[in-house]
N, C-alpha and C. Protein backbone atom coordinates (compact mmCIF):
# COMPACT_ATOMS: atom_id res chain seq x y z
N MET A 1 71.19 42.21 118.22
CA MET A 1 70.52 43.38 117.73
C MET A 1 71.11 43.78 116.38
N ARG A 2 70.26 43.99 115.41
CA ARG A 2 70.71 44.41 114.08
C ARG A 2 70.42 45.87 113.88
N ILE A 3 71.36 46.51 113.25
CA ILE A 3 71.20 47.93 112.93
C ILE A 3 71.20 48.04 111.41
N LYS A 4 70.22 48.70 110.89
CA LYS A 4 70.12 48.89 109.45
C LYS A 4 70.77 50.22 109.09
N ILE A 5 71.68 50.17 108.14
CA ILE A 5 72.39 51.37 107.72
C ILE A 5 72.12 51.59 106.24
N LYS A 6 71.78 52.80 105.91
CA LYS A 6 71.60 53.16 104.50
C LYS A 6 72.84 53.93 104.05
N LEU A 7 73.41 53.45 102.97
CA LEU A 7 74.57 54.12 102.41
C LEU A 7 74.14 55.04 101.29
N LYS A 8 74.72 56.18 101.28
CA LYS A 8 74.44 57.12 100.19
C LYS A 8 75.17 56.65 98.95
N GLU A 9 74.64 57.02 97.81
CA GLU A 9 75.25 56.63 96.53
C GLU A 9 76.69 57.13 96.44
N SER A 10 76.95 58.33 96.94
CA SER A 10 78.31 58.89 96.87
C SER A 10 79.28 58.05 97.70
N THR A 11 78.82 57.52 98.82
CA THR A 11 79.67 56.67 99.66
C THR A 11 80.01 55.38 98.93
N ILE A 12 79.04 54.80 98.29
CA ILE A 12 79.27 53.57 97.53
C ILE A 12 80.26 53.83 96.40
N ARG A 13 80.05 54.91 95.66
CA ARG A 13 80.97 55.24 94.56
C ARG A 13 82.38 55.47 95.07
N ARG A 14 82.51 56.13 96.20
CA ARG A 14 83.83 56.41 96.77
C ARG A 14 84.52 55.10 97.16
N ASN A 15 83.76 54.17 97.73
CA ASN A 15 84.33 52.88 98.09
C ASN A 15 84.72 52.07 96.85
N LEU A 16 83.91 52.13 95.81
CA LEU A 16 84.26 51.44 94.57
C LEU A 16 85.54 52.01 93.99
N HIS A 17 85.68 53.32 94.09
CA HIS A 17 86.90 53.97 93.59
C HIS A 17 88.12 53.51 94.40
N LYS A 18 87.97 53.36 95.70
CA LYS A 18 89.07 52.89 96.54
C LYS A 18 89.47 51.47 96.15
N ILE A 19 88.47 50.63 95.88
CA ILE A 19 88.75 49.26 95.46
C ILE A 19 89.51 49.26 94.13
N GLU A 20 89.08 50.10 93.20
CA GLU A 20 89.76 50.20 91.90
C GLU A 20 91.23 50.60 92.08
N ILE A 21 91.48 51.58 92.95
CA ILE A 21 92.85 52.03 93.20
C ILE A 21 93.66 50.91 93.84
N MET A 22 93.06 50.19 94.77
CA MET A 22 93.77 49.07 95.41
C MET A 22 94.11 47.98 94.40
N LEU A 23 93.23 47.75 93.44
CA LEU A 23 93.52 46.78 92.38
C LEU A 23 94.67 47.27 91.50
N LEU A 24 94.63 48.55 91.17
CA LEU A 24 95.67 49.12 90.31
C LEU A 24 97.05 49.02 90.95
N TYR A 25 97.12 49.22 92.26
CA TYR A 25 98.40 49.16 92.97
C TYR A 25 98.68 47.79 93.57
N SER A 26 97.94 46.79 93.15
CA SER A 26 98.13 45.40 93.55
C SER A 26 98.03 45.19 95.06
N LYS A 27 97.25 45.99 95.73
CA LYS A 27 96.99 45.80 97.16
C LYS A 27 95.83 44.83 97.35
N LEU A 28 95.15 44.53 96.26
CA LEU A 28 93.98 43.68 96.25
C LEU A 28 94.00 42.93 94.92
N SER A 29 93.46 41.72 94.90
CA SER A 29 93.37 41.00 93.63
C SER A 29 91.91 40.75 93.30
N LEU A 30 91.65 40.36 92.08
CA LEU A 30 90.28 40.09 91.65
C LEU A 30 89.63 38.99 92.48
N THR A 31 90.42 38.04 92.91
CA THR A 31 89.86 36.93 93.69
C THR A 31 89.39 37.39 95.08
N ASP A 32 89.85 38.54 95.53
CA ASP A 32 89.41 39.08 96.82
C ASP A 32 88.03 39.72 96.74
N ILE A 33 87.56 39.95 95.55
CA ILE A 33 86.27 40.62 95.33
C ILE A 33 85.24 39.57 94.95
N SER A 34 84.06 39.72 95.48
CA SER A 34 83.02 38.73 95.19
C SER A 34 82.68 38.71 93.70
N HIS A 35 82.26 37.56 93.29
CA HIS A 35 81.90 37.30 91.89
C HIS A 35 80.86 38.31 91.39
N CYS A 36 79.82 38.54 92.18
CA CYS A 36 78.74 39.46 91.78
C CYS A 36 79.25 40.89 91.64
N GLN A 37 80.08 41.32 92.55
CA GLN A 37 80.62 42.68 92.49
C GLN A 37 81.50 42.86 91.26
N ARG A 38 82.29 41.85 90.94
CA ARG A 38 83.15 41.95 89.76
C ARG A 38 82.32 42.08 88.49
N ILE A 39 81.29 41.26 88.36
CA ILE A 39 80.47 41.27 87.16
C ILE A 39 79.77 42.61 86.98
N ASN A 40 79.30 43.19 88.07
CA ASN A 40 78.57 44.45 87.99
C ASN A 40 79.46 45.68 87.87
N ASN A 41 80.76 45.53 88.07
CA ASN A 41 81.70 46.67 87.98
C ASN A 41 82.89 46.27 87.11
N LYS A 42 82.75 46.44 85.81
CA LYS A 42 83.81 45.99 84.90
C LYS A 42 85.11 46.75 85.10
N ASN A 43 85.07 47.89 85.80
CA ASN A 43 86.30 48.63 86.08
C ASN A 43 87.25 47.83 86.95
N PHE A 44 86.72 46.90 87.74
CA PHE A 44 87.59 46.05 88.55
C PHE A 44 88.51 45.23 87.66
N TYR A 45 87.97 44.69 86.58
CA TYR A 45 88.80 43.92 85.65
C TYR A 45 89.82 44.84 84.98
N ILE A 46 89.37 46.01 84.59
CA ILE A 46 90.25 46.95 83.89
C ILE A 46 91.45 47.32 84.76
N MET A 47 91.19 47.64 86.02
CA MET A 47 92.27 48.03 86.92
C MET A 47 93.22 46.86 87.19
N ALA A 48 92.67 45.66 87.38
CA ALA A 48 93.51 44.49 87.62
C ALA A 48 94.37 44.17 86.39
N LEU A 49 93.79 44.32 85.20
CA LEU A 49 94.56 44.06 83.98
C LEU A 49 95.63 45.13 83.76
N ARG A 50 95.34 46.36 84.12
CA ARG A 50 96.36 47.41 84.04
C ARG A 50 97.51 47.12 84.99
N ALA A 51 97.18 46.69 86.19
CA ALA A 51 98.22 46.36 87.17
C ALA A 51 99.09 45.20 86.67
N ALA A 52 98.46 44.21 86.07
CA ALA A 52 99.21 43.07 85.52
C ALA A 52 100.09 43.50 84.36
N ARG A 53 99.57 44.43 83.55
CA ARG A 53 100.35 44.93 82.41
C ARG A 53 101.56 45.72 82.88
N ILE A 54 101.41 46.48 83.96
CA ILE A 54 102.51 47.27 84.50
C ILE A 54 103.64 46.36 84.98
N LYS A 55 103.28 45.21 85.55
CA LYS A 55 104.29 44.26 86.05
C LYS A 55 105.04 43.56 84.93
N ARG A 56 104.51 43.65 83.72
CA ARG A 56 105.12 43.02 82.54
C ARG A 56 105.32 41.53 82.72
N ASN A 57 104.27 40.92 83.26
CA ASN A 57 104.29 39.48 83.49
C ASN A 57 103.04 38.89 82.86
N SER A 58 103.22 38.09 81.84
CA SER A 58 102.06 37.54 81.14
C SER A 58 101.25 36.59 82.02
N ASP A 59 101.88 35.96 83.00
CA ASP A 59 101.15 35.03 83.87
C ASP A 59 100.06 35.75 84.65
N ASN A 60 100.36 36.91 85.22
CA ASN A 60 99.36 37.69 85.97
C ASN A 60 98.25 38.17 85.04
N TYR A 61 98.62 38.58 83.86
CA TYR A 61 97.66 39.07 82.87
C TYR A 61 96.70 37.96 82.48
N ILE A 62 97.24 36.78 82.22
CA ILE A 62 96.42 35.62 81.85
C ILE A 62 95.52 35.22 83.00
N LYS A 63 96.02 35.28 84.22
CA LYS A 63 95.22 34.94 85.40
C LYS A 63 93.99 35.86 85.49
N CYS A 64 94.18 37.15 85.27
CA CYS A 64 93.06 38.10 85.29
C CYS A 64 92.07 37.81 84.17
N LEU A 65 92.58 37.49 82.99
CA LEU A 65 91.70 37.17 81.86
C LEU A 65 90.90 35.90 82.13
N LYS A 66 91.50 34.93 82.79
CA LYS A 66 90.79 33.69 83.11
C LYS A 66 89.66 33.95 84.11
N ILE A 67 89.92 34.82 85.07
CA ILE A 67 88.87 35.18 86.03
C ILE A 67 87.71 35.84 85.29
N LEU A 68 88.05 36.75 84.37
CA LEU A 68 87.02 37.42 83.57
C LEU A 68 86.26 36.39 82.73
N GLU A 69 86.96 35.47 82.15
CA GLU A 69 86.33 34.43 81.34
C GLU A 69 85.37 33.57 82.17
N ASN A 70 85.78 33.19 83.37
CA ASN A 70 84.91 32.40 84.25
C ASN A 70 83.68 33.19 84.67
N ASP A 71 83.86 34.48 84.91
CA ASP A 71 82.72 35.32 85.28
C ASP A 71 81.74 35.48 84.12
N ILE A 72 82.26 35.50 82.92
CA ILE A 72 81.39 35.56 81.73
C ILE A 72 80.52 34.31 81.66
N ILE A 73 81.14 33.18 81.90
CA ILE A 73 80.40 31.91 81.84
C ILE A 73 79.31 31.88 82.91
N ALA A 74 79.61 32.43 84.09
CA ALA A 74 78.66 32.39 85.20
C ALA A 74 77.59 33.48 85.14
N CYS A 75 77.78 34.48 84.28
CA CYS A 75 76.86 35.62 84.21
C CYS A 75 75.54 35.20 83.57
N ASN A 76 74.44 35.63 84.19
CA ASN A 76 73.11 35.29 83.68
C ASN A 76 72.47 36.41 82.87
N ASP A 77 72.93 37.61 83.04
CA ASP A 77 72.37 38.78 82.34
C ASP A 77 73.05 38.91 80.97
N ASP A 78 72.26 38.81 79.90
CA ASP A 78 72.82 38.83 78.55
C ASP A 78 73.53 40.14 78.21
N GLN A 79 72.99 41.28 78.65
CA GLN A 79 73.63 42.56 78.38
C GLN A 79 74.98 42.65 79.07
N LEU A 80 75.04 42.28 80.33
CA LEU A 80 76.31 42.28 81.05
C LEU A 80 77.29 41.30 80.43
N LYS A 81 76.78 40.15 80.05
CA LYS A 81 77.62 39.13 79.45
C LYS A 81 78.26 39.64 78.16
N ASN A 82 77.49 40.32 77.32
CA ASN A 82 78.02 40.87 76.07
C ASN A 82 79.08 41.93 76.34
N LYS A 83 78.86 42.78 77.35
CA LYS A 83 79.86 43.79 77.70
C LYS A 83 81.15 43.15 78.17
N LEU A 84 81.02 42.11 78.97
CA LEU A 84 82.21 41.43 79.48
C LEU A 84 82.95 40.68 78.37
N ILE A 85 82.20 40.11 77.43
CA ILE A 85 82.83 39.43 76.29
C ILE A 85 83.61 40.44 75.45
N ARG A 86 83.01 41.62 75.22
CA ARG A 86 83.73 42.66 74.48
C ARG A 86 84.99 43.10 75.22
N LEU A 87 84.89 43.23 76.54
CA LEU A 87 86.04 43.62 77.34
C LEU A 87 87.15 42.57 77.23
N LEU A 88 86.78 41.31 77.36
CA LEU A 88 87.75 40.23 77.24
C LEU A 88 88.40 40.23 75.87
N ASN A 89 87.59 40.36 74.85
CA ASN A 89 88.10 40.39 73.48
C ASN A 89 89.07 41.54 73.27
N ASP A 90 88.72 42.73 73.75
CA ASP A 90 89.60 43.90 73.60
C ASP A 90 90.93 43.71 74.31
N TYR A 91 90.88 43.17 75.52
CA TYR A 91 92.12 42.98 76.28
C TYR A 91 92.97 41.84 75.73
N ILE A 92 92.38 40.95 74.97
CA ILE A 92 93.17 39.92 74.29
C ILE A 92 93.81 40.51 73.03
N ILE A 93 93.01 41.23 72.25
CA ILE A 93 93.51 41.79 70.99
C ILE A 93 94.63 42.81 71.22
N PHE A 94 94.42 43.70 72.20
CA PHE A 94 95.38 44.78 72.41
C PHE A 94 96.38 44.49 73.53
N ALA A 95 96.58 43.23 73.84
CA ALA A 95 97.51 42.83 74.90
C ALA A 95 98.95 43.12 74.48
N PRO A 96 99.76 43.54 75.43
CA PRO A 96 101.17 43.78 75.12
C PRO A 96 101.97 42.49 75.01
N TYR A 97 101.32 41.36 75.19
CA TYR A 97 102.01 40.07 75.21
C TYR A 97 101.82 39.27 73.93
N ASN A 98 101.29 39.89 72.89
CA ASN A 98 101.15 39.19 71.62
C ASN A 98 102.53 38.73 71.17
N GLY A 99 102.64 37.46 70.85
CA GLY A 99 103.93 36.88 70.49
C GLY A 99 104.52 36.07 71.64
N ASP A 100 104.12 36.34 72.87
CA ASP A 100 104.57 35.57 74.03
C ASP A 100 103.98 34.17 73.93
N GLU A 101 104.79 33.16 74.14
CA GLU A 101 104.38 31.78 73.95
C GLU A 101 103.17 31.40 74.82
N LYS A 102 103.21 31.73 76.09
CA LYS A 102 102.11 31.39 77.01
C LYS A 102 100.84 32.14 76.61
N PHE A 103 101.00 33.40 76.27
CA PHE A 103 99.83 34.20 75.92
C PHE A 103 99.19 33.71 74.63
N GLU A 104 99.99 33.37 73.65
CA GLU A 104 99.46 32.88 72.38
C GLU A 104 98.69 31.57 72.58
N LEU A 105 99.17 30.71 73.47
CA LEU A 105 98.48 29.46 73.77
C LEU A 105 97.14 29.76 74.45
N TYR A 106 97.16 30.69 75.41
CA TYR A 106 95.92 31.08 76.08
C TYR A 106 94.93 31.67 75.07
N LYS A 107 95.43 32.54 74.21
CA LYS A 107 94.58 33.21 73.22
C LYS A 107 93.92 32.19 72.28
N LYS A 108 94.67 31.22 71.84
CA LYS A 108 94.14 30.19 70.95
C LYS A 108 93.03 29.40 71.65
N HIS A 109 93.26 29.04 72.90
CA HIS A 109 92.28 28.28 73.68
C HIS A 109 91.02 29.12 73.95
N THR A 110 91.19 30.38 74.28
CA THR A 110 90.07 31.26 74.64
C THR A 110 89.19 31.57 73.44
N GLU A 111 89.78 31.75 72.27
CA GLU A 111 88.99 32.05 71.08
C GLU A 111 87.99 30.94 70.80
N LYS A 112 88.39 29.70 71.00
CA LYS A 112 87.47 28.57 70.80
C LYS A 112 86.35 28.63 71.83
N ASP A 113 86.71 28.89 73.08
CA ASP A 113 85.71 28.96 74.16
C ASP A 113 84.73 30.10 73.94
N LEU A 114 85.24 31.24 73.47
CA LEU A 114 84.38 32.39 73.22
C LEU A 114 83.38 32.09 72.11
N LEU A 115 83.83 31.43 71.09
CA LEU A 115 82.93 31.07 69.99
C LEU A 115 81.82 30.15 70.48
N LEU A 116 82.16 29.21 71.36
CA LEU A 116 81.15 28.32 71.90
C LEU A 116 80.16 29.08 72.78
N GLN A 117 80.64 30.10 73.50
CA GLN A 117 79.77 30.92 74.34
C GLN A 117 78.77 31.70 73.51
N LEU A 118 79.20 32.19 72.36
CA LEU A 118 78.36 33.03 71.53
C LEU A 118 77.30 32.22 70.79
N LEU A 119 77.51 30.93 70.63
CA LEU A 119 76.54 30.09 69.91
C LEU A 119 75.37 29.72 70.73
């Protein structure tokens, strides 16, 4: 027997907020969230990147950026794709890891990939 439940918009927003908080406090990672949900809620990336920045570990930060990059490639909606590309670009430019050897290598590789995406 199936029961159909309608969720109110406020309930959905409250749950999204809980997920964002869980990402911020590293109780959840981006890989735990479905691809579609991540693409439609860019705050998930923002919270995960903030959590990685707090840990002061470039590896976690790069991992989050790679997930964002893969989601950009998989995104079919041009408007969403452009927003995610801008988000990725901003988090690369304003990263606290500029000068870090691993991050600079990632940045160099990603800039080429981003240019190919835009063409």
